[in-house]
Amino acid sequence: MMVSKLQIETWTYYDKVEAIYTRKGYGDMIGIDKDILGGIPSLIVVAKENAEKKLPILTYFHGFTSAKEHNLPLAFLMAEKGYRVILPDSLYHGERDAGLSKEKLRLAFWDIVVKNTTEIEAIYNELNRRGLLQDKRFGVAGTSMGGITTAAALAQYPWIKTAAILMGTPTLTDYAKQLVQTYKQSGELQITKTMEQDVYALLEPYDLSQHMEMLNERPLLFWHGDKDPVVPFSQPYAFYHDALMYYKKQANIRFIREKNRGHKVSRLAILQTVEWFSQHL
């Protein structure tokens, strides 16, 4: 079997994280199990004493070119607080790596986001079928592409109780237009007018900024570095201010701006995300 560089890196990362938490004593308390949920390779992170219990569940999506193992630190912290955390691999990532070239992977970006969004429902249904979800307490969060996935899911599924978007954006169409413009200027990818219009049509049902009524006062956290060169800070920040008028209880929506931070999740972001779900899920 051919093993990709990404798979080697994620396995190594998984081993390192597991070793660190085992040394700290978490290994006796927190379990990491590989599973297939709704057809999606996933990690399930939960306190061993809670493994068979119904629990509130957080599903956390990784970023572009990352993999499920990279969010284990946050998952451990959530599991310690009594939650079950699901870490799925996105299409063409981690265990689902198909050896695509950099160019083909970039062109597939929005297909991956949409696929993630449909797979959230498959994960939700599988967990319900197994009797593992407590009182419909199901949350979604993610980093970068995973944050964009989270926003898309909010536009689709009213049963998501609470969410967190870390350095992602709910303005999918605006971000797609920015990416297209960047690719055209750099000449990195050949994008035709038809391809461009097809992407915008694809994204319309998933663009939360075009379906603000779907927020429905659900608790929503944003974290973003204001020096992010990949996903512009201005897009989610503007969305947040527009969204405030849809919340009677404005404490249910929060934006954490981390000054002089680029496109990398900080410890502050992880701890604030854990605290958010502890309060709202």
C-alpha atoms as a PDB file:
ATOM      1  CA  MET A   1       0.000   0.000   0.000  1.00  0.00           C
ATOM      2  CA  MET A   2       1.303   3.455  -0.915  1.00  0.00           C
ATOM      3  CA  VAL A   3       1.574   5.736   2.129  1.00  0.00           C
ATOM      4  CA  SER A   4       1.441   9.488   1.539  1.00  0.00           C
ATOM      5  CA  LYS A   5       3.572  12.088   3.285  1.00  0.00           C
ATOM      6  CA  LEU A   6       0.392  13.524   4.824  1.00  0.00           C
ATOM      7  CA  GLN A   7      -0.545  10.141   6.317  1.00  0.00           C
ATOM      8  CA  ILE A   8       2.949   9.717   7.805  1.00  0.00           C
ATOM      9  CA  GLU A   9       2.784  13.217   9.302  1.00  0.00           C
ATOM     10  CA  THR A  10      -0.667  12.700  10.818  1.00  0.00           C
ATOM     11  CA  TRP A  11       0.227   9.306  12.261  1.00  0.00           C
ATOM     12  CA  THR A  12       3.358  10.786  13.810  1.00  0.00           C
ATOM     13  CA  TYR A  13       1.328  13.683  15.216  1.00  0.00           C
ATOM     14  CA  TYR A  14      -1.274  11.275  16.609  1.00  0.00           C
ATOM     15  CA  ASP A  15       1.430   9.232  18.352  1.00  0.00           C
ATOM     16  CA  LYS A  16       3.047  12.347  19.826  1.00  0.00           C
ATOM     17  CA  VAL A  17      -0.214  13.752  21.170  1.00  0.00           C
ATOM     18  CA  GLU A  18      -1.276  10.414  22.609  1.00  0.00           C
ATOM     19  CA  ALA A  19       2.123  10.044  24.288  1.00  0.00           C
ATOM     20  CA  ILE A  20       1.968  13.543  25.790  1.00  0.00           C
ATOM     21  CA  TYR A  21      -1.487  13.035  27.230  1.00  0.00           C
ATOM     22  CA  THR A  22      -0.621   9.557  28.479  1.00  0.00           C
ATOM     23  CA  ARG A  23       2.380  10.984  30.347  1.00  0.00           C
ATOM     24  CA  LYS A  24       0.091  13.571  31.946  1.00  0.00           C
ATOM     25  CA  GLY A  25      -2.225  10.829  33.144  1.00  0.00           C
ATOM     26  CA  TYR A  26      -5.012  11.452  30.641  1.00  0.00           C
ATOM     27  CA  GLY A  27      -4.334   8.119  28.952  1.00  0.00           C
ATOM     28  CA  ASP A  28      -5.998   6.278  31.832  1.00  0.00           C
ATOM     29  CA  MET A  29      -9.070   8.499  31.605  1.00  0.00           C
ATOM     30  CA  ILE A  30      -9.590   9.520  27.972  1.00  0.00           C
ATOM     31  CA  GLY A  31     -10.017   7.085  25.110  1.00  0.00           C
ATOM     32  CA  ILE A  32      -9.297   7.672  21.405  1.00  0.00           C
ATOM     33  CA  ASP A  33     -11.065   5.220  19.140  1.00  0.00           C
ATOM     34  CA  LYS A  34     -10.905   4.982  15.364  1.00  0.00           C
ATOM     35  CA  ASP A  35     -14.327   4.403  13.867  1.00  0.00           C
ATOM     36  CA  ILE A  36     -16.374   4.789  10.695  1.00  0.00           C
ATOM     37  CA  LEU A  37     -19.355   7.075  11.265  1.00  0.00           C
ATOM     38  CA  GLY A  38     -21.800   7.312   8.390  1.00  0.00           C
ATOM     39  CA  GLY A  39     -19.037   6.089   6.106  1.00  0.00           C
ATOM     40  CA  ILE A  40     -16.537   8.703   7.319  1.00  0.00           C
ATOM     41  CA  PRO A  41     -13.223   7.723   8.991  1.00  0.00           C
ATOM     42  CA  SER A  42     -13.300   9.456  12.365  1.00  0.00           C
ATOM     43  CA  LEU A  43     -11.755   9.570  15.793  1.00  0.00           C
ATOM     44  CA  ILE A  44     -14.057   9.397  18.804  1.00  0.00           C
ATOM     45  CA  VAL A  45     -12.566  11.013  21.907  1.00  0.00           C
ATOM     46  CA  VAL A  46     -14.399  10.431  25.181  1.00  0.00           C
ATOM     47  CA  ALA A  47     -13.683   9.722  28.833  1.00  0.00           C
ATOM     48  CA  LYS A  48     -13.403   5.957  29.221  1.00  0.00           C
ATOM     49  CA  GLU A  49     -15.985   5.928  32.009  1.00  0.00           C
ATOM     50  CA  ASN A  50     -18.462   7.636  29.624  1.00  0.00           C
ATOM     51  CA  ALA A  51     -17.797   5.528  26.535  1.00  0.00           C
ATOM     52  CA  GLU A  52     -21.192   3.791  26.525  1.00  0.00           C
ATOM     53  CA  LYS A  53     -23.231   6.698  27.884  1.00  0.00           C
ATOM     54  CA  LYS A  54     -25.401   9.198  26.052  1.00  0.00           C
ATOM     55  CA  LEU A  55     -23.471  12.483  26.020  1.00  0.00           C
ATOM     56  CA  PRO A  56     -23.561  15.897  24.387  1.00  0.00           C
ATOM     57  CA  ILE A  57     -21.478  15.677  21.209  1.00  0.00           C
ATOM     58  CA  LEU A  58     -19.126  18.097  19.473  1.00  0.00           C
ATOM     59  CA  THR A  59     -18.063  17.344  15.904  1.00  0.00           C
ATOM     60  CA  TYR A  60     -14.906  19.276  14.986  1.00  0.00           C
ATOM     61  CA  PHE A  61     -13.658  19.672  11.391  1.00  0.00           C
ATOM     62  CA  HIS A  62     -10.003  20.219  10.509  1.00  0.00           C
ATOM     63  CA  GLY A  63      -8.613  22.712   8.012  1.00  0.00           C
ATOM     64  CA  PHE A  64      -7.440  22.429   4.401  1.00  0.00           C
ATOM     65  CA  THR A  65      -4.521  19.944   3.975  1.00  0.00           C
ATOM     66  CA  SER A  66      -4.770  19.027   7.666  1.00  0.00           C
ATOM     67  CA  ALA A  67      -6.312  15.885   9.209  1.00  0.00           C
ATOM     68  CA  LYS A  68      -8.476  14.780  12.114  1.00  0.00           C
ATOM     69  CA  GLU A  69      -5.545  14.014  14.461  1.00  0.00           C
ATOM     70  CA  HIS A  70      -4.482  17.661  14.523  1.00  0.00           C
ATOM     71  CA  ASN A  71      -7.418  18.616  16.745  1.00  0.00           C
ATOM     72  CA  LEU A  72      -6.776  16.067  19.473  1.00  0.00           C
ATOM     73  CA  PRO A  73      -5.665  18.637  22.100  1.00  0.00           C
ATOM     74  CA  LEU A  74      -9.040  20.402  21.987  1.00  0.00           C
ATOM     75  CA  ALA A  75     -10.839  17.049  21.903  1.00  0.00           C
ATOM     76  CA  PHE A  76      -9.031  15.897  25.068  1.00  0.00           C
ATOM     77  CA  LEU A  77     -10.070  19.043  26.918  1.00  0.00           C
ATOM     78  CA  MET A  78     -13.699  18.626  25.858  1.00  0.00           C
ATOM     79  CA  ALA A  79     -13.721  14.927  26.757  1.00  0.00           C
ATOM     80  CA  GLU A  80     -12.364  15.767  30.195  1.00  0.00           C
ATOM     81  CA  LYS A  81     -15.449  17.952  30.712  1.00  0.00           C
ATOM     82  CA  GLY A  82     -17.822  15.119  29.883  1.00  0.00           C
ATOM     83  CA  TYR A  83     -18.392  15.506  26.143  1.00  0.00           C
ATOM     84  CA  ARG A  84     -17.964  13.055  23.284  1.00  0.00           C
ATOM     85  CA  VAL A  85     -15.882  14.606  20.476  1.00  0.00           C
ATOM     86  CA  ILE A  86     -15.978  13.416  16.877  1.00  0.00           C
ATOM     87  CA  LEU A  87     -13.007  14.262  14.627  1.00  0.00           C
ATOM     88  CA  PRO A  88     -13.790  13.306  11.003  1.00  0.00           C
ATOM     89  CA  ASP A  89     -11.406  13.268   8.062  1.00  0.00           C
ATOM     90  CA  SER A  90     -12.594  15.471   5.217  1.00  0.00           C
ATOM     91  CA  LEU A  91     -12.718  14.205   1.653  1.00  0.00           C
ATOM     92  CA  TYR A  92      -9.167  13.853   0.178  1.00  0.00           C
ATOM     93  CA  HIS A  93      -7.612  14.331   3.635  1.00  0.00           C
ATOM     94  CA  GLY A  94      -6.083  12.024   6.236  1.00  0.00           C
ATOM     95  CA  GLU A  95      -7.240   8.452   5.708  1.00  0.00           C
ATOM     96  CA  ARG A  96      -9.178   9.658   2.668  1.00  0.00           C
ATOM     97  CA  ASP A  97      -6.102  11.058   0.931  1.00  0.00           C
ATOM     98  CA  ALA A  98      -6.371  10.299  -2.792  1.00  0.00           C
ATOM     99  CA  GLY A  99      -2.965  11.605  -3.842  1.00  0.00           C
ATOM    100  CA  LEU A 100      -4.401  14.627  -5.652  1.00  0.00           C
ATOM    101  CA  SER A 101      -2.005  17.247  -6.934  1.00  0.00           C
ATOM    102  CA  LYS A 102      -1.921  20.611  -5.185  1.00  0.00           C
ATOM    103  CA  GLU A 103      -3.809  22.170  -8.093  1.00  0.00           C
ATOM    104  CA  LYS A 104      -6.577  19.543  -8.122  1.00  0.00           C
ATOM    105  CA  LEU A 105      -6.945  19.765  -4.360  1.00  0.00           C
ATOM    106  CA  ARG A 106      -7.392  23.526  -4.551  1.00  0.00           C
ATOM    107  CA  LEU A 107      -9.985  23.168  -7.288  1.00  0.00           C
ATOM    108  CA  ALA A 108     -11.838  20.673  -5.084  1.00  0.00           C
ATOM    109  CA  PHE A 109     -11.951  23.031  -2.076  1.00  0.00           C
ATOM    110  CA  TRP A 110     -15.645  23.920  -2.310  1.00  0.00           C
ATOM    111  CA  ASP A 111     -16.647  20.371  -3.193  1.00  0.00           C
ATOM    112  CA  ILE A 112     -14.926  19.296   0.031  1.00  0.00           C
ATOM    113  CA  VAL A 113     -16.823  21.914   2.065  1.00  0.00           C
ATOM    114  CA  VAL A 114     -20.154  20.802   0.594  1.00  0.00           C
ATOM    115  CA  LYS A 115     -19.265  17.131   1.125  1.00  0.00           C
ATOM    116  CA  ASN A 116     -18.357  17.881   4.755  1.00  0.00           C
ATOM    117  CA  THR A 117     -21.722  19.540   5.210  1.00  0.00           C
ATOM    118  CA  THR A 118     -23.699  16.579   3.902  1.00  0.00           C
ATOM    119  CA  GLU A 119     -21.547  14.222   5.982  1.00  0.00           C
ATOM    120  CA  ILE A 120     -22.415  16.066   9.192  1.00  0.00           C
ATOM    121  CA  GLU A 121     -25.953  14.771   8.794  1.00  0.00           C
ATOM    122  CA  ALA A 122     -24.650  11.228   8.236  1.00  0.00           C
ATOM    123  CA  ILE A 123     -22.568  11.475  11.437  1.00  0.00           C
ATOM    124  CA  TYR A 124     -25.525  12.893  13.373  1.00  0.00           C
ATOM    125  CA  ASN A 125     -27.834  10.110  12.184  1.00  0.00           C
ATOM    126  CA  GLU A 126     -25.276   7.398  12.993  1.00  0.00           C
ATOM    127  CA  LEU A 127     -24.734   8.691  16.521  1.00  0.00           C
ATOM    128  CA  ASN A 128     -28.483   8.835  17.061  1.00  0.00           C
ATOM    129  CA  ARG A 129     -28.831   5.285  15.737  1.00  0.00           C
ATOM    130  CA  ARG A 130     -26.198   4.101  18.230  1.00  0.00           C
ATOM    131  CA  GLY A 131     -28.005   5.843  21.067  1.00  0.00           C
ATOM    132  CA  LEU A 132     -24.996   7.997  21.979  1.00  0.00           C
ATOM    133  CA  LEU A 133     -26.475  11.522  21.697  1.00  0.00           C
ATOM    134  CA  GLN A 134     -27.946  13.095  24.823  1.00  0.00           C
ATOM    135  CA  ASP A 135     -31.044  15.288  24.459  1.00  0.00           C
ATOM    136  CA  LYS A 136     -30.150  16.430  20.905  1.00  0.00           C
ATOM    137  CA  ARG A 137     -27.149  18.337  22.301  1.00  0.00           C
ATOM    138  CA  PHE A 138     -25.089  18.349  19.102  1.00  0.00           C
ATOM    139  CA  GLY A 139     -22.503  21.049  18.348  1.00  0.00           C
ATOM    140  CA  VAL A 140     -20.255  21.721  15.363  1.00  0.00           C
ATOM    141  CA  ALA A 141     -16.985  23.630  15.112  1.00  0.00           C
ATOM    142  CA  GLY A 142     -13.937  23.797  12.913  1.00  0.00           C
ATOM    143  CA  THR A 143     -10.730  25.474  11.882  1.00  0.00           C
ATOM    144  CA  SER A 144     -10.369  27.446   8.630  1.00  0.00           C
ATOM    145  CA  MET A 145     -12.005  25.142   6.030  1.00  0.00           C
ATOM    146  CA  GLY A 146     -13.618  23.426   9.030  1.00  0.00           C
ATOM    147  CA  GLY A 147     -14.950  26.792  10.189  1.00  0.00           C
ATOM    148  CA  ILE A 148     -16.382  27.419   6.727  1.00  0.00           C
ATOM    149  CA  THR A 149     -17.963  23.960   6.908  1.00  0.00           C
ATOM    150  CA  THR A 150     -19.484  24.897  10.273  1.00  0.00           C
ATOM    151  CA  ALA A 151     -21.088  28.005   8.804  1.00  0.00           C
ATOM    152  CA  ALA A 152     -22.429  26.001   5.856  1.00  0.00           C
ATOM    153  CA  ALA A 153     -23.907  23.457   8.253  1.00  0.00           C
ATOM    154  CA  LEU A 154     -25.697  26.192  10.218  1.00  0.00           C
ATOM    155  CA  ALA A 155     -27.331  27.286   6.965  1.00  0.00           C
ATOM    156  CA  GLN A 156     -28.625  23.737   6.475  1.00  0.00           C
ATOM    157  CA  TYR A 157     -29.427  22.092   9.803  1.00  0.00           C
ATOM    158  CA  PRO A 158     -31.626  23.664  12.507  1.00  0.00           C
ATOM    159  CA  TRP A 159     -30.825  20.762  14.856  1.00  0.00           C
ATOM    160  CA  ILE A 160     -27.271  22.003  15.453  1.00  0.00           C
ATOM    161  CA  LYS A 161     -27.499  23.460  18.954  1.00  0.00           C
ATOM    162  CA  THR A 162     -24.357  25.605  19.078  1.00  0.00           C
ATOM    163  CA  ALA A 163     -21.284  26.258  16.932  1.00  0.00           C
ATOM    164  CA  ALA A 164     -17.836  27.835  16.786  1.00  0.00           C
ATOM    165  CA  ILE A 165     -16.017  29.168  13.729  1.00  0.00           C
ATOM    166  CA  LEU A 166     -12.250  29.502  14.143  1.00  0.00           C
ATOM    167  CA  MET A 167     -10.585  31.596  11.419  1.00  0.00           C
ATOM    168  CA  GLY A 168     -13.290  30.606   8.938  1.00  0.00           C
ATOM    169  CA  THR A 169     -15.970  32.707   7.272  1.00  0.00           C
ATOM    170  CA  PRO A 170     -19.756  32.400   6.855  1.00  0.00           C
ATOM    171  CA  THR A 171     -19.622  34.554   3.693  1.00  0.00           C
ATOM    172  CA  LEU A 172     -18.875  31.648   1.372  1.00  0.00           C
ATOM    173  CA  THR A 173     -19.633  33.390  -1.910  1.00  0.00           C
ATOM    174  CA  ASP A 174     -17.544  36.462  -1.055  1.00  0.00           C
ATOM    175  CA  TYR A 175     -14.631  34.245  -0.060  1.00  0.00           C
ATOM    176  CA  ALA A 176     -15.002  32.176  -3.236  1.00  0.00           C
ATOM    177  CA  LYS A 177     -14.885  35.368  -5.314  1.00  0.00           C
ATOM    178  CA  GLN A 178     -11.714  36.418  -3.513  1.00  0.00           C
ATOM    179  CA  LEU A 179     -10.076  33.042  -4.177  1.00  0.00           C
ATOM    180  CA  VAL A 180     -11.054  33.159  -7.849  1.00  0.00           C
ATOM    181  CA  GLN A 181      -9.595  36.649  -8.192  1.00  0.00           C
ATOM    182  CA  THR A 182      -6.380  35.555  -6.473  1.00  0.00           C
ATOM    183  CA  TYR A 183      -6.008  32.543  -8.758  1.00  0.00           C
ATOM    184  CA  LYS A 184      -6.665  34.631 -11.859  1.00  0.00           C
ATOM    185  CA  GLN A 185      -4.074  37.228 -10.895  1.00  0.00           C
ATOM    186  CA  SER A 186      -1.429  34.681  -9.994  1.00  0.00           C
ATOM    187  CA  GLY A 187      -2.159  32.327 -12.878  1.00  0.00           C
ATOM    188  CA  GLU A 188      -1.874  29.390 -10.451  1.00  0.00           C
ATOM    189  CA  LEU A 189      -5.164  27.829 -11.570  1.00  0.00           C
ATOM    190  CA  GLN A 190      -7.080  28.040 -14.821  1.00  0.00           C
ATOM    191  CA  ILE A 191     -10.668  28.925 -13.924  1.00  0.00           C
ATOM    192  CA  THR A 192     -13.214  29.511 -16.673  1.00  0.00           C
ATOM    193  CA  LYS A 193     -16.246  31.761 -16.374  1.00  0.00           C
ATOM    194  CA  THR A 194     -18.478  28.690 -16.399  1.00  0.00           C
ATOM    195  CA  MET A 195     -16.511  27.108 -13.542  1.00  0.00           C
ATOM    196  CA  GLU A 196     -16.766  30.357 -11.613  1.00  0.00           C
ATOM    197  CA  GLN A 197     -20.540  30.620 -12.006  1.00  0.00           C
ATOM    198  CA  ASP A 198     -20.981  26.940 -11.142  1.00  0.00           C
ATOM    199  CA  VAL A 199     -19.162  27.476  -7.833  1.00  0.00           C
ATOM    200  CA  TYR A 200     -21.358  30.435  -6.882  1.00  0.00           C
ATOM    201  CA  ALA A 201     -24.507  28.469  -7.720  1.00  0.00           C
ATOM    202  CA  LEU A 202     -23.217  25.517  -5.691  1.00  0.00           C
ATOM    203  CA  LEU A 203     -22.571  27.684  -2.636  1.00  0.00           C
ATOM    204  CA  GLU A 204     -25.838  29.633  -2.514  1.00  0.00           C
ATOM    205  CA  PRO A 205     -27.735  27.180  -0.241  1.00  0.00           C
ATOM    206  CA  TYR A 206     -24.720  26.952   2.097  1.00  0.00           C
ATOM    207  CA  ASP A 207     -23.872  30.650   2.337  1.00  0.00           C
ATOM    208  CA  LEU A 208     -24.994  31.598   5.834  1.00  0.00           C
ATOM    209  CA  SER A 209     -24.759  35.308   5.009  1.00  0.00           C
ATOM    210  CA  GLN A 210     -27.591  34.739   2.510  1.00  0.00           C
ATOM    211  CA  HIS A 211     -29.678  32.770   5.017  1.00  0.00           C
ATOM    212  CA  MET A 212     -29.349  34.758   8.232  1.00  0.00           C
ATOM    213  CA  GLU A 213     -32.769  33.595   9.422  1.00  0.00           C
ATOM    214  CA  MET A 214     -31.206  30.158   9.973  1.00  0.00           C
ATOM    215  CA  LEU A 215     -29.200  31.543  12.900  1.00  0.00           C
ATOM    216  CA  ASN A 216     -32.356  31.427  15.005  1.00  0.00           C
ATOM    217  CA  GLU A 217     -30.553  32.785  18.077  1.00  0.00           C
ATOM    218  CA  ARG A 218     -28.311  29.714  18.273  1.00  0.00           C
ATOM    219  CA  PRO A 219     -25.116  30.284  20.288  1.00  0.00           C
ATOM    220  CA  LEU A 220     -22.276  31.065  17.866  1.00  0.00           C
ATOM    221  CA  LEU A 221     -18.649  31.856  18.646  1.00  0.00           C
ATOM    222  CA  PHE A 222     -16.077  33.353  16.286  1.00  0.00           C
ATOM    223  CA  TRP A 223     -12.341  33.479  16.834  1.00  0.00           C
ATOM    224  CA  HIS A 224     -10.060  35.144  14.280  1.00  0.00           C
ATOM    225  CA  GLY A 225      -6.599  36.674  14.164  1.00  0.00           C
ATOM    226  CA  ASP A 226      -6.718  40.173  12.728  1.00  0.00           C
ATOM    227  CA  LYS A 227      -3.543  39.593  10.660  1.00  0.00           C
ATOM    228  CA  ASP A 228      -4.864  36.468   8.929  1.00  0.00           C
ATOM    229  CA  PRO A 229      -3.469  36.396   5.349  1.00  0.00           C
ATOM    230  CA  VAL A 230      -5.560  33.380   4.259  1.00  0.00           C
ATOM    231  CA  VAL A 231      -9.150  33.991   5.384  1.00  0.00           C
ATOM    232  CA  PRO A 232      -9.683  37.752   5.699  1.00  0.00           C
ATOM    233  CA  PHE A 233     -10.544  38.906   9.201  1.00  0.00           C
ATOM    234  CA  SER A 234     -12.906  41.499   7.708  1.00  0.00           C
ATOM    235  CA  GLN A 235     -15.377  38.954   6.305  1.00  0.00           C
ATOM    236  CA  PRO A 236     -16.476  37.147   9.495  1.00  0.00           C
ATOM    237  CA  TYR A 237     -16.148  40.369  11.488  1.00  0.00           C
ATOM    238  CA  ALA A 238     -18.602  42.170   9.186  1.00  0.00           C
ATOM    239  CA  PHE A 239     -20.920  39.143   9.296  1.00  0.00           C
ATOM    240  CA  TYR A 240     -20.845  39.193  13.100  1.00  0.00           C
ATOM    241  CA  HIS A 241     -21.985  42.826  13.219  1.00  0.00           C
ATOM    242  CA  ASP A 242     -24.762  42.112  10.713  1.00  0.00           C
ATOM    243  CA  ALA A 243     -25.831  39.049  12.697  1.00  0.00           C
ATOM    244  CA  LEU A 244     -26.172  40.949  15.979  1.00  0.00           C
ATOM    245  CA  MET A 245     -29.567  42.304  14.884  1.00  0.00           C
ATOM    246  CA  TYR A 246     -30.850  38.717  14.612  1.00  0.00           C
ATOM    247  CA  TYR A 247     -30.129  38.053  18.303  1.00  0.00           C
ATOM    248  CA  LYS A 248     -32.399  39.289  21.070  1.00  0.00           C
ATOM    249  CA  LYS A 249     -29.946  37.716  23.510  1.00  0.00           C
ATOM    250  CA  GLN A 250     -26.697  39.088  22.146  1.00  0.00           C
ATOM    251  CA  ALA A 251     -24.593  37.089  24.616  1.00  0.00           C
ATOM    252  CA  ASN A 252     -25.396  34.122  22.358  1.00  0.00           C
ATOM    253  CA  ILE A 253     -23.096  35.448  19.658  1.00  0.00           C
ATOM    254  CA  ARG A 254     -19.505  36.426  20.381  1.00  0.00           C
ATOM    255  CA  PHE A 255     -16.502  37.453  18.318  1.00  0.00           C
ATOM    256  CA  ILE A 256     -13.000  37.084  19.771  1.00  0.00           C
ATOM    257  CA  ARG A 257     -10.466  39.190  17.906  1.00  0.00           C
ATOM    258  CA  GLU A 258      -6.880  38.225  18.599  1.00  0.00           C
ATOM    259  CA  LYS A 259      -4.556  41.059  17.698  1.00  0.00           C
ATOM    260  CA  ASN A 260      -1.475  40.475  15.545  1.00  0.00           C
ATOM    261  CA  ARG A 261      -2.417  36.817  15.023  1.00  0.00           C
ATOM    262  CA  GLY A 262      -2.120  35.168  11.621  1.00  0.00           C
ATOM    263  CA  HIS A 263      -3.685  31.996  10.229  1.00  0.00           C
ATOM    264  CA  LYS A 264      -2.884  29.757  13.165  1.00  0.00           C
ATOM    265  CA  VAL A 265      -5.110  28.782  16.073  1.00  0.00           C
ATOM    266  CA  SER A 266      -3.763  29.961  19.412  1.00  0.00           C
ATOM    267  CA  ARG A 267      -4.057  28.392  22.848  1.00  0.00           C
ATOM    268  CA  LEU A 268      -6.441  31.232  23.728  1.00  0.00           C
ATOM    269  CA  ALA A 269      -8.697  30.151  20.857  1.00  0.00           C
ATOM    270  CA  ILE A 270      -8.716  26.523  22.006  1.00  0.00           C
ATOM    271  CA  LEU A 271      -9.468  27.388  25.634  1.00  0.00           C
ATOM    272  CA  GLN A 272     -12.201  29.875  24.680  1.00  0.00           C
ATOM    273  CA  THR A 273     -13.791  27.313  22.349  1.00  0.00           C
ATOM    274  CA  VAL A 274     -13.826  24.698  25.116  1.00  0.00           C
ATOM    275  CA  GLU A 275     -15.361  27.248  27.497  1.00  0.00           C
ATOM    276  CA  TRP A 276     -18.001  28.219  24.912  1.00  0.00           C
ATOM    277  CA  PHE A 277     -19.225  24.672  24.425  1.00  0.00           C
ATOM    278  CA  SER A 278     -19.085  24.035  28.169  1.00  0.00           C
ATOM    279  CA  GLN A 279     -21.544  26.894  28.608  1.00  0.00           C
ATOM    280  CA  HIS A 280     -23.792  26.392  25.579  1.00  0.00           C
ATOM    281  CA  LEU A 281     -23.825  22.706  24.623  1.00  0.00           C
END
